[in-house]
PDB file of N, CA and C in Angstrom:
ATOM      1  N   MET A   1     109.257 119.066  95.072  1.00  0.00           N
ATOM      2  CA  MET A   1     108.487 117.875  95.366  1.00  0.00           C
ATOM      3  C   MET A   1     107.308 117.789  94.389  1.00  0.00           C
ATOM      4  N   ALA A   2     107.095 116.607  93.855  1.00  0.00           N
ATOM      5  CA  ALA A   2     106.014 116.409  92.895  1.00  0.00           C
ATOM      6  C   ALA A   2     104.656 116.469  93.586  1.00  0.00           C
ATOM      7  N   LYS A   3     103.692 116.995  92.857  1.00  0.00           N
ATOM      8  CA  LYS A   3     102.337 117.082  93.388  1.00  0.00           C
ATOM      9  C   LYS A   3     101.704 115.693  93.404  1.00  0.00           C
ATOM     10  N   LYS A   4     101.092 115.329  94.522  1.00  0.00           N
ATOM     11  CA  LYS A   4     100.433 114.034  94.635  1.00  0.00           C
ATOM     12  C   LYS A   4      99.080 114.083  93.941  1.00  0.00           C
ATOM     13  N   THR A   5      98.742 113.027  93.236  1.00  0.00           N
ATOM     14  CA  THR A   5      97.457 112.937  92.572  1.00  0.00           C
ATOM     15  C   THR A   5      96.489 112.214  93.495  1.00  0.00           C
ATOM     16  N   LYS A   6      95.408 112.877  93.842  1.00  0.00           N
ATOM     17  CA  LYS A   6      94.381 112.232  94.653  1.00  0.00           C
ATOM     18  C   LYS A   6      93.369 111.586  93.721  1.00  0.00           C
ATOM     19  N   THR A   7      92.953 110.419  94.082  1.00  0.00           N
ATOM     20  CA  THR A   7      91.938 109.729  93.307  1.00  0.00           C
ATOM     21  C   THR A   7      90.581 110.275  93.698  1.00  0.00           C
ATOM     22  N   SER A   8      89.780 110.634  92.708  1.00  0.00           N
ATOM     23  CA  SER A   8      88.464 111.216  92.976  1.00  0.00           C
ATOM     24  C   SER A   8      87.522 110.170  93.566  1.00  0.00           C
ATOM     25  N   LYS A   9      86.459 110.632  94.190  1.00  0.00           N
ATOM     26  CA  LYS A   9      85.459 109.723  94.762  1.00  0.00           C
ATOM     27  C   LYS A   9      84.837 108.872  93.664  1.00  0.00           C
ATOM     28  N   ALA A  10      84.574 109.488  92.517  1.00  0.00           N
ATOM     29  CA  ALA A  10      83.986 108.743  91.397  1.00  0.00           C
ATOM     30  C   ALA A  10      84.910 107.613  90.948  1.00  0.00           C
ATOM     31  N   ALA A  11      86.203 107.903  90.895  1.00  0.00           N
ATOM     32  CA  ALA A  11      87.170 106.879  90.496  1.00  0.00           C
ATOM     33  C   ALA A  11      87.242 105.765  91.539  1.00  0.00           C
ATOM     34  N   ARG A  12      87.265 106.147  92.831  1.00  0.00           N
ATOM     35  CA  ARG A  12      87.304 105.133  93.898  1.00  0.00           C
ATOM     36  C   ARG A  12      86.061 104.257  93.864  1.00  0.00           C
ATOM     37  N   ASP A  13      84.890 104.861  93.643  1.00  0.00           N
ATOM     38  CA  ASP A  13      83.642 104.097  93.555  1.00  0.00           C
ATOM     39  C   ASP A  13      83.678 103.142  92.366  1.00  0.00           C
ATOM     40  N   PHE A  14      84.161 103.637  91.223  1.00  0.00           N
ATOM     41  CA  PHE A  14      84.262 102.811  90.019  1.00  0.00           C
ATOM     42  C   PHE A  14      85.176 101.618  90.270  1.00  0.00           C
ATOM     43  N   ILE A  15      86.362 101.890  90.828  1.00  0.00           N
ATOM     44  CA  ILE A  15      87.340 100.833  91.082  1.00  0.00           C
ATOM     45  C   ILE A  15      86.784  99.809  92.066  1.00  0.00           C
ATOM     46  N   SER A  16      86.161 100.279  93.129  1.00  0.00           N
ATOM     47  CA  SER A  16      85.584  99.376  94.129  1.00  0.00           C
ATOM     48  C   SER A  16      84.526  98.471  93.512  1.00  0.00           C
ATOM     49  N   HIS A  17      83.673  99.056  92.698  1.00  0.00           N
ATOM     50  CA  HIS A  17      82.600  98.286  92.042  1.00  0.00           C
ATOM     51  C   HIS A  17      83.199  97.238  91.103  1.00  0.00           C
ATOM     52  N   LYS A  18      84.188  97.640  90.316  1.00  0.00           N
ATOM     53  CA  LYS A  18      84.811  96.707  89.369  1.00  0.00           C
ATOM     54  C   LYS A  18      85.550  95.583  90.092  1.00  0.00           C
ATOM     55  N   ILE A  19      86.209  95.906  91.209  1.00  0.00           N
ATOM     56  CA  ILE A  19      86.902  94.866  91.973  1.00  0.00           C
ATOM     57  C   ILE A  19      85.900  93.826  92.454  1.00  0.00           C
ATOM     58  N   SER A  20      84.749  94.274  92.948  1.00  0.00           N
ATOM     59  CA  SER A  20      83.712  93.333  93.410  1.00  0.00           C
ATOM     60  C   SER A  20      83.263  92.423  92.283  1.00  0.00           C
ATOM     61  N   ILE A  21      83.029  92.999  91.120  1.00  0.00           N
ATOM     62  CA  ILE A  21      82.582  92.210  89.966  1.00  0.00           C
ATOM     63  C   ILE A  21      83.655  91.201  89.561  1.00  0.00           C
ATOM     64  N   LEU A  22      84.889  91.662  89.461  1.00  0.00           N
ATOM     65  CA  LEU A  22      85.981  90.781  89.046  1.00  0.00           C
ATOM     66  C   LEU A  22      86.227  89.664  90.057  1.00  0.00           C
ATOM     67  N   ARG A  23      86.106  89.968  91.350  1.00  0.00           N
ATOM     68  CA  ARG A  23      86.273  88.933  92.375  1.00  0.00           C
ATOM     69  C   ARG A  23      85.152  87.899  92.273  1.00  0.00           C
ATOM     70  N   ASN A  24      83.931  88.352  92.007  1.00  0.00           N
ATOM     71  CA  ASN A  24      82.814  87.426  91.857  1.00  0.00           C
ATOM     72  C   ASN A  24      82.976  86.543  90.622  1.00  0.00           C
ATOM     73  N   GLU A  25      83.723  87.024  89.635  1.00  0.00           N
ATOM     74  CA  GLU A  25      84.003  86.246  88.432  1.00  0.00           C
ATOM     75  C   GLU A  25      85.130  85.246  88.657  1.00  0.00           C
ATOM     76  N   GLY A  26      85.763  85.307  89.842  1.00  0.00           N
ATOM     77  CA  GLY A  26      86.787  84.328  90.169  1.00  0.00           C
ATOM     78  C   GLY A  26      88.216  84.816  90.042  1.00  0.00           C
ATOM     79  N   ARG A  27      88.426  86.102  89.810  1.00  0.00           N
ATOM     80  CA  ARG A  27      89.788  86.636  89.720  1.00  0.00           C
ATOM     81  C   ARG A  27      90.405  86.704  91.116  1.00  0.00           C
ATOM     82  N   SER A  28      91.726  86.606  91.164  1.00  0.00           N
ATOM     83  CA  SER A  28      92.416  86.755  92.451  1.00  0.00           C
ATOM     84  C   SER A  28      92.335  88.220  92.868  1.00  0.00           C
ATOM     85  N   PRO A  29      92.504  88.514  94.163  1.00  0.00           N
ATOM     86  CA  PRO A  29      92.452  89.914  94.606  1.00  0.00           C
ATOM     87  C   PRO A  29      93.450  90.805  93.875  1.00  0.00           C
ATOM     88  N   GLN A  30      94.669  90.318  93.681  1.00  0.00           N
ATOM     89  CA  GLN A  30      95.680  91.128  93.007  1.00  0.00           C
ATOM     90  C   GLN A  30      95.298  91.398  91.558  1.00  0.00           C
ATOM     91  N   GLN A  31      94.792  90.387  90.864  1.00  0.00           N
ATOM     92  CA  GLN A  31      94.366  90.577  89.487  1.00  0.00           C
ATOM     93  C   GLN A  31      93.202  91.552  89.412  1.00  0.00           C
ATOM     94  N   ALA A  32      92.230  91.389  90.300  1.00  0.00           N
ATOM     95  CA  ALA A  32      91.049  92.247  90.288  1.00  0.00           C
ATOM     96  C   ALA A  32      91.436  93.706  90.512  1.00  0.00           C
ATOM     97  N   ILE A  33      92.337  93.952  91.446  1.00  0.00           N
ATOM     98  CA  ILE A  33      92.770  95.318  91.738  1.00  0.00           C
ATOM     99  C   ILE A  33      93.490  95.915  90.534  1.00  0.00           C
ATOM    100  N   ALA A  34      94.408  95.157  89.951  1.00  0.00           N
ATOM    101  CA  ALA A  34      95.173  95.662  88.803  1.00  0.00           C
ATOM    102  C   ALA A  34      94.264  95.932  87.608  1.00  0.00           C
ATOM    103  N   ILE A  35      93.345  95.028  87.330  1.00  0.00           N
ATOM    104  CA  ILE A  35      92.437  95.199  86.196  1.00  0.00           C
ATOM    105  C   ILE A  35      91.529  96.397  86.412  1.00  0.00           C
ATOM    106  N   ALA A  36      90.987  96.541  87.615  1.00  0.00           N
ATOM    107  CA  ALA A  36      90.082  97.657  87.907  1.00  0.00           C
ATOM    108  C   ALA A  36      90.799  98.997  87.761  1.00  0.00           C
ATOM    109  N   HIS A  37      92.034  99.090  88.258  1.00  0.00           N
ATOM    110  CA  HIS A  37      92.806 100.327  88.104  1.00  0.00           C
ATOM    111  C   HIS A  37      93.087 100.608  86.630  1.00  0.00           C
ATOM    112  N   SER A  38      93.413  99.570  85.884  1.00  0.00           N
ATOM    113  CA  SER A  38      93.679  99.728  84.459  1.00  0.00           C
ATOM    114  C   SER A  38      92.433 100.221  83.718  1.00  0.00           C
ATOM    115  N   MET A  39      91.289  99.648  84.051  1.00  0.00           N
ATOM    116  CA  MET A  39      90.027 100.058  83.419  1.00  0.00           C
ATOM    117  C   MET A  39      89.722 101.527  83.731  1.00  0.00           C
ATOM    118  N   ALA A  40      89.980 101.925  84.971  1.00  0.00           N
ATOM    119  CA  ALA A  40      89.728 103.317  85.365  1.00  0.00           C
ATOM    120  C   ALA A  40      90.624 104.269  84.574  1.00  0.00           C
ATOM    121  N   ARG A  41      91.890 103.901  84.405  1.00  0.00           N
ATOM    122  CA  ARG A  41      92.801 104.749  83.620  1.00  0.00           C
ATOM    123  C   ARG A  41      92.352 104.832  82.170  1.00  0.00           C
ATOM    124  N   GLU A  42      91.886 103.716  81.608  1.00  0.00           N
ATOM    125  CA  GLU A  42      91.403 103.712  80.225  1.00  0.00           C
ATOM    126  C   GLU A  42      90.217 104.648  80.033  1.00  0.00           C
ATOM    127  N   LEU A  43      89.401 104.795  81.072  1.00  0.00           N
ATOM    128  CA  LEU A  43      88.232 105.677  80.987  1.00  0.00           C
ATOM    129  C   LEU A  43      88.583 107.139  81.271  1.00  0.00           C
ATOM    130  N   GLY A  44      89.846 107.400  81.597  1.00  0.00           N
ATOM    131  CA  GLY A  44      90.274 108.775  81.782  1.00  0.00           C
ATOM    132  C   GLY A  44      90.378 109.242  83.220  1.00  0.00           C
ATOM    133  N   PHE A  45      90.135 108.355  84.184  1.00  0.00           N
ATOM    134  CA  PHE A  45      90.315 108.731  85.584  1.00  0.00           C
ATOM    135  C   PHE A  45      91.802 108.878  85.859  1.00  0.00           C
ATOM    136  N   LYS A  46      92.157 109.829  86.695  1.00  0.00           N
ATOM    137  CA  LYS A  46      93.549 110.017  87.113  1.00  0.00           C
ATOM    138  C   LYS A  46      93.783 109.076  88.294  1.00  0.00           C
ATOM    139  N   VAL A  47      94.406 107.949  88.011  1.00  0.00           N
ATOM    140  CA  VAL A  47      94.588 106.900  89.014  1.00  0.00           C
ATOM    141  C   VAL A  47      96.042 106.467  89.029  1.00  0.00           C
ATOM    142  N   LYS A  48      96.588 106.290  90.223  1.00  0.00           N
ATOM    143  CA  LYS A  48      97.942 105.771  90.359  1.00  0.00           C
ATOM    144  C   LYS A  48      97.945 104.294  90.001  1.00  0.00           C
ATOM    145  N   LYS A  49      99.146 103.740  89.837  1.00  0.00           N
ATOM    146  CA  LYS A  49      99.258 102.302  89.626  1.00  0.00           C
ATOM    147  C   LYS A  49      98.756 101.584  90.865  1.00  0.00           C
ATOM    148  N   ALA A  50      98.161 100.439  90.665  1.00  0.00           N
ATOM    149  CA  ALA A  50      97.612  99.662  91.775  1.00  0.00           C
ATOM    150  C   ALA A  50      98.733  99.137  92.661  1.00  0.00           C
ATOM    151  N   ARG A  51      98.501  99.175  93.969  1.00  0.00           N
ATOM    152  CA  ARG A  51      99.446  98.581  94.910  1.00  0.00           C
ATOM    153  C   ARG A  51      99.116  97.100  95.045  1.00  0.00           C
ATOM    154  N   LYS A  52     100.109  96.313  95.364  1.00  0.00           N
ATOM    155  CA  LYS A  52      99.872  94.889  95.558  1.00  0.00           C
ATOM    156  C   LYS A  52      99.048  94.669  96.817  1.00  0.00           C
ATOM    157  N   ALA A  53      98.130  93.743  96.732  1.00  0.00           N
ATOM    158  CA  ALA A  53      97.324  93.392  97.906  1.00  0.00           C
ATOM    159  C   ALA A  53      98.163  92.511  98.826  1.00  0.00           C
ATOM    160  N   THR A  54      98.124  92.809 100.089  1.00  0.00           N
ATOM    161  CA  THR A  54      98.835  91.975 101.050  1.00  0.00           C
ATOM    162  C   THR A  54      97.916  90.833 101.476  1.00  0.00           C
ATOM    163  N   LYS A  55      98.495  89.836 102.079  1.00  0.00           N
ATOM    164  CA  LYS A  55      97.689  88.698 102.543  1.00  0.00           C
ATOM    165  C   LYS A  55      96.634  89.157 103.551  1.00  0.00           C
ATOM    166  N   ASP A  56      96.994  90.125 104.397  1.00  0.00           N
ATOM    167  CA  ASP A  56      96.053  90.641 105.384  1.00  0.00           C
ATOM    168  C   ASP A  56      94.864  91.313 104.692  1.00  0.00           C
ATOM    169  N   LYS A  57      95.146  92.113 103.671  1.00  0.00           N
ATOM    170  CA  LYS A  57      94.072  92.773 102.925  1.00  0.00           C
ATOM    171  C   LYS A  57      93.184  91.743 102.234  1.00  0.00           C
ATOM    172  N   GLU A  58      93.821  90.690 101.669  1.00  0.00           N
ATOM    173  CA  GLU A  58      93.055  89.640 101.007  1.00  0.00           C
ATOM    174  C   GLU A  58      92.104  88.958 101.989  1.00  0.00           C
ATOM    175  N   ARG A  59      92.594  88.685 103.210  1.00  0.00           N
ATOM    176  CA  ARG A  59      91.753  88.025 104.212  1.00  0.00           C
ATOM    177  C   ARG A  59      90.582  88.909 104.610  1.00  0.00           C
ATOM    178  N   ARG A  60      90.861  90.210 104.830  1.00  0.00           N
ATOM    179  CA  ARG A  60      89.783  91.135 105.206  1.00  0.00           C
ATOM    180  C   ARG A  60      88.752  91.255 104.089  1.00  0.00           C
ATOM    181  N   PHE A  61      89.219  91.285 102.836  1.00  0.00           N
ATOM    182  CA  PHE A  61      88.305  91.392 101.699  1.00  0.00           C
ATOM    183  C   PHE A  61      87.426  90.138 101.612  1.00  0.00           C
ATOM    184  N   ALA A  62      88.047  88.979 101.759  1.00  0.00           N
ATOM    185  CA  ALA A  62      87.292  87.719 101.696  1.00  0.00           C
ATOM    186  C   ALA A  62      86.250  87.665 102.813  1.00  0.00           C
ATOM    187  N   LYS A  63      86.617  88.121 104.005  1.00  0.00           N
ATOM    188  CA  LYS A  63      85.689  88.127 105.124  1.00  0.00           C
ATOM    189  C   LYS A  63      84.521  89.068 104.844  1.00  0.00           C
ATOM    190  N   ALA A  64      84.818  90.241 104.273  1.00  0.00           N
ATOM    191  CA  ALA A  64      83.770  91.209 103.961  1.00  0.00           C
ATOM    192  C   ALA A  64      82.832  90.666 102.881  1.00  0.00           C
ATOM    193  N   MET A  65      83.375  89.934 101.910  1.00  0.00           N
ATOM    194  CA  MET A  65      82.564  89.399 100.822  1.00  0.00           C
ATOM    195  C   MET A  65      81.626  88.293 101.302  1.00  0.00           C
ATOM    196  N   LYS A  66      82.012  87.570 102.346  1.00  0.00           N
ATOM    197  CA  LYS A  66      81.162  86.499 102.870  1.00  0.00           C
ATOM    198  C   LYS A  66      79.861  87.058 103.424  1.00  0.00           C
ATOM    199  N   GLY A  67      79.911  88.265 103.952  1.00  0.00           N
ATOM    200  CA  GLY A  67      78.728  88.891 104.543  1.00  0.00           C
ATOM    201  C   GLY A  67      77.732  89.409 103.524  1.00  0.00           C
ATOM    202  N   ARG A  68      78.125  89.437 102.249  1.00  0.00           N
ATOM    203  CA  ARG A  68      77.236  89.982 101.200  1.00  0.00           C
ATOM    204  C   ARG A  68      76.280  88.959 100.696  1.00  0.00           C
TER     205      ARG A  68
END
């Protein structure tokens, strides 16, 4: 069985921050997630490929962003 790669806290923080910035710039949730993961990999973080955002996740994210 292949060893699973865990994403470090620093990588998760970086990705989360970049997703917020990209969403504020008007990117769709799926685009923002994919771009943020790609940026993290370019910087050398060990990150898996981004999973597709589901409609439920998109709604929860939009609701959370309204409170900011």
